[in-house]
Amino acid sequence: MKCTKKFVVVPPHVGLIIFGMIGRNIHSYMDHYNDGWATYIRMTCLVVILCRGGLELSFRGKGLTAVLLTLGPQICEAITVALVSKGVYDMPIYVCFALGFVIGAASPAILVPL
């Protein structure tokens, strides 16, 4: 009888997220970073993740189908977030749509395998 091993492959970003959560909760470790730099580094990491995900896309031979499959959910999500934020926070409608498109742009960062 042959024993086969099955391995679960965990993406490296999962380990980085876990280490970040642990590091953020150890106060002596995070005292060396001021909030301005931490915000800048966090935003830069988000931009890198979104750029890497966008550069892996290939639309050759897909045509209009790929465009509709990418823009359709994005616009629906932006409209939904805009309407909910207008009702809940009573913000101006252009700010609500800006919030919707920002949230819609950041949500694929969780789903894009790197």
C-alpha atoms as a PDB file:
ATOM      1  CA  MET A   1       0.000   0.000   0.000  1.00  0.00           C
ATOM      2  CA  LYS A   2       1.469   3.319  -1.116  1.00  0.00           C
ATOM      3  CA  CYS A   3       1.155   6.333   1.128  1.00  0.00           C
ATOM      4  CA  THR A   4       0.523   9.553  -0.700  1.00  0.00           C
ATOM      5  CA  LYS A   5       0.977  12.909   0.923  1.00  0.00           C
ATOM      6  CA  LYS A   6      -1.237  15.781   0.032  1.00  0.00           C
ATOM      7  CA  PHE A   7       0.058  19.255   0.666  1.00  0.00           C
ATOM      8  CA  VAL A   8      -1.987  22.343   1.149  1.00  0.00           C
ATOM      9  CA  VAL A   9      -0.368  25.288  -0.565  1.00  0.00           C
ATOM     10  CA  VAL A  10      -0.807  28.542   1.297  1.00  0.00           C
ATOM     11  CA  PRO A  11      -0.059  31.765  -0.594  1.00  0.00           C
ATOM     12  CA  PRO A  12       2.812  33.792   0.854  1.00  0.00           C
ATOM     13  CA  HIS A  13       0.539  36.790   1.427  1.00  0.00           C
ATOM     14  CA  VAL A  14      -1.375  34.832   4.070  1.00  0.00           C
ATOM     15  CA  GLY A  15       1.803  34.553   6.125  1.00  0.00           C
ATOM     16  CA  LEU A  16       2.496  38.258   5.648  1.00  0.00           C
ATOM     17  CA  ILE A  17      -1.009  39.138   6.810  1.00  0.00           C
ATOM     18  CA  ILE A  18      -0.697  36.924   9.892  1.00  0.00           C
ATOM     19  CA  PHE A  19       2.725  38.394  10.738  1.00  0.00           C
ATOM     20  CA  GLY A  20       1.343  41.903  10.269  1.00  0.00           C
ATOM     21  CA  MET A  21      -1.548  41.190  12.614  1.00  0.00           C
ATOM     22  CA  ILE A  22       0.808  39.785  15.248  1.00  0.00           C
ATOM     23  CA  GLY A  23       3.287  42.628  14.808  1.00  0.00           C
ATOM     24  CA  ARG A  24       0.596  45.274  15.031  1.00  0.00           C
ATOM     25  CA  ASN A  25      -0.575  43.928  18.379  1.00  0.00           C
ATOM     26  CA  ILE A  26       2.893  43.838  19.950  1.00  0.00           C
ATOM     27  CA  HIS A  27       3.203  47.425  21.086  1.00  0.00           C
ATOM     28  CA  SER A  28       6.941  47.532  21.635  1.00  0.00           C
ATOM     29  CA  TYR A  29       7.515  46.348  18.058  1.00  0.00           C
ATOM     30  CA  MET A  30       5.292  48.982  16.448  1.00  0.00           C
ATOM     31  CA  ASP A  31       6.497  51.917  18.585  1.00  0.00           C
ATOM     32  CA  HIS A  32       9.362  52.471  16.147  1.00  0.00           C
ATOM     33  CA  TYR A  33       6.988  53.436  13.318  1.00  0.00           C
ATOM     34  CA  ASN A  34       5.066  56.688  13.365  1.00  0.00           C
ATOM     35  CA  ASP A  35       1.530  56.759  11.991  1.00  0.00           C
ATOM     36  CA  GLY A  36       2.442  58.837   8.928  1.00  0.00           C
ATOM     37  CA  TRP A  37       4.944  56.296   7.667  1.00  0.00           C
ATOM     38  CA  ALA A  38       2.664  53.370   8.494  1.00  0.00           C
ATOM     39  CA  THR A  39      -0.147  54.900   6.434  1.00  0.00           C
ATOM     40  CA  TYR A  40       2.215  55.594   3.528  1.00  0.00           C
ATOM     41  CA  ILE A  41       3.588  52.032   3.580  1.00  0.00           C
ATOM     42  CA  ARG A  42       0.082  50.545   3.776  1.00  0.00           C
ATOM     43  CA  MET A  43      -1.098  52.571   0.771  1.00  0.00           C
ATOM     44  CA  THR A  44       2.018  51.677  -1.202  1.00  0.00           C
ATOM     45  CA  CYS A  45       1.446  47.972  -0.507  1.00  0.00           C
ATOM     46  CA  LEU A  46      -2.145  48.271  -1.720  1.00  0.00           C
ATOM     47  CA  VAL A  47      -0.982  49.942  -4.942  1.00  0.00           C
ATOM     48  CA  VAL A  48       1.616  47.201  -5.527  1.00  0.00           C
ATOM     49  CA  ILE A  49      -0.961  44.438  -4.985  1.00  0.00           C
ATOM     50  CA  LEU A  50      -3.462  46.050  -7.359  1.00  0.00           C
ATOM     51  CA  CYS A  51      -0.793  46.684 -10.011  1.00  0.00           C
ATOM     52  CA  ARG A  52       0.476  43.115  -9.860  1.00  0.00           C
ATOM     53  CA  GLY A  53      -3.071  41.822 -10.211  1.00  0.00           C
ATOM     54  CA  GLY A  54      -3.783  44.121 -13.146  1.00  0.00           C
ATOM     55  CA  LEU A  55      -0.585  43.236 -14.976  1.00  0.00           C
ATOM     56  CA  GLU A  56      -1.475  39.530 -14.919  1.00  0.00           C
ATOM     57  CA  LEU A  57      -4.654  40.086 -16.936  1.00  0.00           C
ATOM     58  CA  SER A  58      -4.712  39.146 -20.597  1.00  0.00           C
ATOM     59  CA  PHE A  59      -7.595  40.269 -22.790  1.00  0.00           C
ATOM     60  CA  ARG A  60      -6.367  38.820 -26.098  1.00  0.00           C
ATOM     61  CA  GLY A  61      -9.163  37.062 -27.920  1.00  0.00           C
ATOM     62  CA  LYS A  62     -11.730  37.893 -25.275  1.00  0.00           C
ATOM     63  CA  GLY A  63     -12.956  41.207 -26.682  1.00  0.00           C
ATOM     64  CA  LEU A  64     -16.208  42.680 -25.500  1.00  0.00           C
ATOM     65  CA  THR A  65     -16.984  39.780 -23.169  1.00  0.00           C
ATOM     66  CA  ALA A  66     -13.967  40.485 -20.964  1.00  0.00           C
ATOM     67  CA  VAL A  67     -14.720  44.188 -20.860  1.00  0.00           C
ATOM     68  CA  LEU A  68     -18.339  43.594 -19.836  1.00  0.00           C
ATOM     69  CA  LEU A  69     -17.360  40.988 -17.241  1.00  0.00           C
ATOM     70  CA  THR A  70     -14.924  43.396 -15.626  1.00  0.00           C
ATOM     71  CA  LEU A  71     -16.855  46.656 -15.855  1.00  0.00           C
ATOM     72  CA  GLY A  72     -20.305  45.268 -15.045  1.00  0.00           C
ATOM     73  CA  PRO A  73     -19.631  44.093 -11.491  1.00  0.00           C
ATOM     74  CA  GLN A  74     -17.437  47.132 -10.784  1.00  0.00           C
ATOM     75  CA  ILE A  75     -20.163  49.580 -11.749  1.00  0.00           C
ATOM     76  CA  CYS A  76     -22.860  47.614  -9.894  1.00  0.00           C
ATOM     77  CA  GLU A  77     -20.721  47.534  -6.747  1.00  0.00           C
ATOM     78  CA  ALA A  78     -19.939  51.257  -7.012  1.00  0.00           C
ATOM     79  CA  ILE A  79     -23.621  52.146  -7.437  1.00  0.00           C
ATOM     80  CA  THR A  80     -24.631  49.930  -4.501  1.00  0.00           C
ATOM     81  CA  VAL A  81     -21.988  51.405  -2.187  1.00  0.00           C
ATOM     82  CA  ALA A  82     -22.888  54.925  -3.335  1.00  0.00           C
ATOM     83  CA  LEU A  83     -26.592  54.453  -2.608  1.00  0.00           C
ATOM     84  CA  VAL A  84     -25.973  52.816   0.769  1.00  0.00           C
ATOM     85  CA  SER A  85     -23.460  55.472   1.824  1.00  0.00           C
ATOM     86  CA  LYS A  86     -25.859  58.226   0.699  1.00  0.00           C
ATOM     87  CA  GLY A  87     -28.612  56.730   2.846  1.00  0.00           C
ATOM     88  CA  VAL A  88     -26.472  55.922   5.874  1.00  0.00           C
ATOM     89  CA  TYR A  89     -23.995  58.811   5.993  1.00  0.00           C
ATOM     90  CA  ASP A  90     -25.911  61.459   3.986  1.00  0.00           C
ATOM     91  CA  MET A  91     -22.782  62.477   2.078  1.00  0.00           C
ATOM     92  CA  PRO A  92     -22.816  64.349  -1.251  1.00  0.00           C
ATOM     93  CA  ILE A  93     -23.528  62.015  -4.156  1.00  0.00           C
ATOM     94  CA  TYR A  94     -20.171  62.589  -5.893  1.00  0.00           C
ATOM     95  CA  VAL A  95     -18.339  61.625  -2.691  1.00  0.00           C
ATOM     96  CA  CYS A  96     -20.566  58.536  -2.414  1.00  0.00           C
ATOM     97  CA  PHE A  97     -19.611  57.439  -5.934  1.00  0.00           C
ATOM     98  CA  ALA A  98     -15.931  58.125  -5.223  1.00  0.00           C
ATOM     99  CA  LEU A  99     -16.227  55.906  -2.150  1.00  0.00           C
ATOM    100  CA  GLY A 100     -17.965  53.217  -4.223  1.00  0.00           C
ATOM    101  CA  PHE A 101     -15.248  53.135  -6.857  1.00  0.00           C
ATOM    102  CA  VAL A 102     -12.462  53.134  -4.242  1.00  0.00           C
ATOM    103  CA  ILE A 103     -14.026  50.202  -2.413  1.00  0.00           C
ATOM    104  CA  GLY A 104     -14.657  48.455  -5.734  1.00  0.00           C
ATOM    105  CA  ALA A 105     -11.009  48.909  -6.701  1.00  0.00           C
ATOM    106  CA  ALA A 106      -9.683  47.621  -3.388  1.00  0.00           C
ATOM    107  CA  SER A 107     -11.871  44.519  -3.131  1.00  0.00           C
ATOM    108  CA  PRO A 108     -10.094  42.512  -5.901  1.00  0.00           C
ATOM    109  CA  ALA A 109      -6.876  42.769  -3.905  1.00  0.00           C
ATOM    110  CA  ILE A 110      -8.222  40.012  -1.708  1.00  0.00           C
ATOM    111  CA  LEU A 111      -9.113  37.739  -4.614  1.00  0.00           C
ATOM    112  CA  VAL A 112      -6.087  38.131  -6.906  1.00  0.00           C
ATOM    113  CA  PRO A 113      -3.680  35.213  -6.389  1.00  0.00           C
ATOM    114  CA  LEU A 114      -0.074  36.366  -6.440  1.00  0.00           C
END
